[in-house]
Amino acid sequence: MHSKDYYILLSIIETIEKILKYTADYATAEELYENDRDFDAAMMNFIVIGENVGKLSDALKEVNQQIDWQKIYGLRNIIAHHYFGINVDIVWEIIQTDLPALKTNLQKIIE
């Protein structure tokens, strides 16, 4: 693995941890959405994740096709370009289910 990819993966993991921290105190998508600061912080960090995925080498993505890199980048585009049309329930599901799994997969790649 290129050292550049290694550091980008570390950055993505740190960003996932931020999102999980910002959203940990909420029981529902609606509760999160009602807190502008935490919701906005989580959305910004999704954009950061997408930007970092775009910087990963094609070789790393090719070897690790178990991760849907395009879908991650696609979410970045949706949030960045259609912010007021975000489906909060889908984002909540991503936070609750997909982010912990992504974090685990990225940690395995690094190891």
C-alpha atoms as a PDB file:
ATOM      1  CA  MET A   1       0.000   0.000   0.000  1.00  0.00           C
ATOM      2  CA  HIS A   2       1.222   3.467  -0.865  1.00  0.00           C
ATOM      3  CA  SER A   3       1.900   5.634   2.165  1.00  0.00           C
ATOM      4  CA  LYS A   4      -0.466   8.244   0.698  1.00  0.00           C
ATOM      5  CA  ASP A   5      -3.317   5.710   0.753  1.00  0.00           C
ATOM      6  CA  TYR A   6      -2.418   4.679   4.285  1.00  0.00           C
ATOM      7  CA  TYR A   7      -2.719   8.227   5.600  1.00  0.00           C
ATOM      8  CA  ILE A   8      -5.920   8.869   3.670  1.00  0.00           C
ATOM      9  CA  LEU A   9      -7.451   5.713   5.150  1.00  0.00           C
ATOM     10  CA  LEU A  10      -6.416   6.862   8.637  1.00  0.00           C
ATOM     11  CA  SER A  11      -8.046  10.209   7.959  1.00  0.00           C
ATOM     12  CA  ILE A  12     -11.275   8.541   6.814  1.00  0.00           C
ATOM     13  CA  ILE A  13     -11.355   6.424   9.981  1.00  0.00           C
ATOM     14  CA  GLU A  14     -10.863   9.546  12.121  1.00  0.00           C
ATOM     15  CA  THR A  15     -13.662  11.275  10.233  1.00  0.00           C
ATOM     16  CA  ILE A  16     -15.997   8.315  10.755  1.00  0.00           C
ATOM     17  CA  GLU A  17     -15.212   8.484  14.469  1.00  0.00           C
ATOM     18  CA  LYS A  18     -16.143  12.173  14.485  1.00  0.00           C
ATOM     19  CA  ILE A  19     -19.504  11.476  12.863  1.00  0.00           C
ATOM     20  CA  LEU A  20     -20.202   8.686  15.336  1.00  0.00           C
ATOM     21  CA  LYS A  21     -19.251  10.985  18.222  1.00  0.00           C
ATOM     22  CA  TYR A  22     -21.415  13.868  16.964  1.00  0.00           C
ATOM     23  CA  THR A  23     -24.436  11.594  16.568  1.00  0.00           C
ATOM     24  CA  ALA A  24     -24.039   9.274  19.573  1.00  0.00           C
ATOM     25  CA  ASP A  25     -26.432  11.132  21.863  1.00  0.00           C
ATOM     26  CA  TYR A  26     -29.398  10.923  19.491  1.00  0.00           C
ATOM     27  CA  ALA A  27     -31.977   8.138  19.393  1.00  0.00           C
ATOM     28  CA  THR A  28     -33.588   9.046  16.068  1.00  0.00           C
ATOM     29  CA  ALA A  29     -32.884  10.793  12.797  1.00  0.00           C
ATOM     30  CA  GLU A  30     -35.336  13.537  13.721  1.00  0.00           C
ATOM     31  CA  GLU A  31     -33.513  14.283  16.982  1.00  0.00           C
ATOM     32  CA  LEU A  32     -30.236  14.623  15.114  1.00  0.00           C
ATOM     33  CA  TYR A  33     -31.804  16.793  12.426  1.00  0.00           C
ATOM     34  CA  GLU A  34     -33.230  19.150  15.056  1.00  0.00           C
ATOM     35  CA  ASN A  35     -29.728  19.930  16.324  1.00  0.00           C
ATOM     36  CA  ASP A  36     -28.317  22.102  13.559  1.00  0.00           C
ATOM     37  CA  ARG A  37     -24.753  22.058  14.851  1.00  0.00           C
ATOM     38  CA  ASP A  38     -24.381  18.298  15.150  1.00  0.00           C
ATOM     39  CA  PHE A  39     -26.314  17.594  11.962  1.00  0.00           C
ATOM     40  CA  ASP A  40     -24.255  20.080   9.965  1.00  0.00           C
ATOM     41  CA  ALA A  41     -21.015  18.744  11.469  1.00  0.00           C
ATOM     42  CA  ALA A  42     -21.956  15.188  10.520  1.00  0.00           C
ATOM     43  CA  MET A  43     -22.883  16.229   6.961  1.00  0.00           C
ATOM     44  CA  MET A  44     -19.633  18.140   6.529  1.00  0.00           C
ATOM     45  CA  ASN A  45     -17.692  15.104   7.638  1.00  0.00           C
ATOM     46  CA  PHE A  46     -19.511  12.933   5.105  1.00  0.00           C
ATOM     47  CA  ILE A  47     -18.238  15.372   2.486  1.00  0.00           C
ATOM     48  CA  VAL A  48     -14.718  15.011   3.892  1.00  0.00           C
ATOM     49  CA  ILE A  49     -14.981  11.221   3.651  1.00  0.00           C
ATOM     50  CA  GLY A  50     -16.080  11.476   0.027  1.00  0.00           C
ATOM     51  CA  GLU A  51     -13.278  13.876  -0.821  1.00  0.00           C
ATOM     52  CA  ASN A  52     -10.730  11.527   0.732  1.00  0.00           C
ATOM     53  CA  VAL A  53     -12.151   8.519  -1.109  1.00  0.00           C
ATOM     54  CA  GLY A  54     -11.619  10.474  -4.316  1.00  0.00           C
ATOM     55  CA  LYS A  55      -7.927  10.825  -3.420  1.00  0.00           C
ATOM     56  CA  LEU A  56      -7.309   7.101  -2.904  1.00  0.00           C
ATOM     57  CA  SER A  57      -5.354   5.309  -5.609  1.00  0.00           C
ATOM     58  CA  ASP A  58      -7.242   3.262  -8.170  1.00  0.00           C
ATOM     59  CA  ALA A  59      -5.029   0.320  -7.234  1.00  0.00           C
ATOM     60  CA  LEU A  60      -6.221   0.336  -3.623  1.00  0.00           C
ATOM     61  CA  LYS A  61      -9.866   0.609  -4.693  1.00  0.00           C
ATOM     62  CA  GLU A  62      -9.415  -2.203  -7.198  1.00  0.00           C
ATOM     63  CA  VAL A  63      -7.926  -4.551  -4.605  1.00  0.00           C
ATOM     64  CA  ASN A  64     -10.640  -3.666  -2.083  1.00  0.00           C
ATOM     65  CA  GLN A  65     -13.817  -3.962  -4.096  1.00  0.00           C
ATOM     66  CA  GLN A  66     -15.747  -5.142  -1.024  1.00  0.00           C
ATOM     67  CA  ILE A  67     -16.196  -1.419  -0.352  1.00  0.00           C
ATOM     68  CA  ASP A  68     -18.491   0.505  -2.676  1.00  0.00           C
ATOM     69  CA  TRP A  69     -16.176   3.473  -3.177  1.00  0.00           C
ATOM     70  CA  GLN A  70     -18.409   5.040  -5.812  1.00  0.00           C
ATOM     71  CA  LYS A  71     -21.400   4.974  -3.479  1.00  0.00           C
ATOM     72  CA  ILE A  72     -19.378   6.727  -0.768  1.00  0.00           C
ATOM     73  CA  TYR A  73     -18.292   9.415  -3.209  1.00  0.00           C
ATOM     74  CA  GLY A  74     -21.855   9.643  -4.505  1.00  0.00           C
ATOM     75  CA  LEU A  75     -23.132  10.453  -1.023  1.00  0.00           C
ATOM     76  CA  ARG A  76     -20.595  13.270  -0.874  1.00  0.00           C
ATOM     77  CA  ASN A  77     -22.056  14.692  -4.082  1.00  0.00           C
ATOM     78  CA  ILE A  78     -25.629  14.424  -2.826  1.00  0.00           C
ATOM     79  CA  ILE A  79     -24.806  16.219   0.414  1.00  0.00           C
ATOM     80  CA  ALA A  80     -22.675  18.882  -1.263  1.00  0.00           C
ATOM     81  CA  HIS A  81     -25.077  19.656  -4.106  1.00  0.00           C
ATOM     82  CA  HIS A  82     -28.526  18.844  -2.716  1.00  0.00           C
ATOM     83  CA  TYR A  83     -28.096  19.735   0.944  1.00  0.00           C
ATOM     84  CA  PHE A  84     -31.695  20.790   1.496  1.00  0.00           C
ATOM     85  CA  GLY A  85     -33.002  17.622  -0.145  1.00  0.00           C
ATOM     86  CA  ILE A  86     -31.141  15.146   2.064  1.00  0.00           C
ATOM     87  CA  ASN A  87     -33.230  12.239   3.321  1.00  0.00           C
ATOM     88  CA  VAL A  88     -32.426  12.307   7.011  1.00  0.00           C
ATOM     89  CA  ASP A  89     -33.690   8.755   7.575  1.00  0.00           C
ATOM     90  CA  ILE A  90     -31.292   7.361   4.968  1.00  0.00           C
ATOM     91  CA  VAL A  91     -28.391   9.324   6.455  1.00  0.00           C
ATOM     92  CA  TRP A  92     -29.341   8.019   9.908  1.00  0.00           C
ATOM     93  CA  GLU A  93     -29.304   4.434   8.604  1.00  0.00           C
ATOM     94  CA  ILE A  94     -25.880   5.033   7.069  1.00  0.00           C
ATOM     95  CA  ILE A  95     -24.596   6.386  10.387  1.00  0.00           C
ATOM     96  CA  GLN A  96     -26.035   3.505  12.398  1.00  0.00           C
ATOM     97  CA  THR A  97     -25.154   0.636  10.059  1.00  0.00           C
ATOM     98  CA  ASP A  98     -22.794   1.497   7.237  1.00  0.00           C
ATOM     99  CA  LEU A  99     -20.239   3.698   9.014  1.00  0.00           C
ATOM    100  CA  PRO A 100     -19.284   1.147  11.694  1.00  0.00           C
ATOM    101  CA  ALA A 101     -18.921  -1.515   8.976  1.00  0.00           C
ATOM    102  CA  LEU A 102     -16.858   0.825   6.801  1.00  0.00           C
ATOM    103  CA  LYS A 103     -14.610   1.653   9.745  1.00  0.00           C
ATOM    104  CA  THR A 104     -14.027  -2.064  10.374  1.00  0.00           C
ATOM    105  CA  ASN A 105     -13.234  -2.696   6.703  1.00  0.00           C
ATOM    106  CA  LEU A 106     -10.810   0.221   6.541  1.00  0.00           C
ATOM    107  CA  GLN A 107      -9.040  -0.963   9.695  1.00  0.00           C
ATOM    108  CA  LYS A 108      -8.611  -4.403   8.083  1.00  0.00           C
ATOM    109  CA  ILE A 109      -7.112  -2.820   4.967  1.00  0.00           C
ATOM    110  CA  ILE A 110      -4.624  -0.866   7.064  1.00  0.00           C
ATOM    111  CA  GLU A 111      -3.577  -3.971   9.003  1.00  0.00           C
END
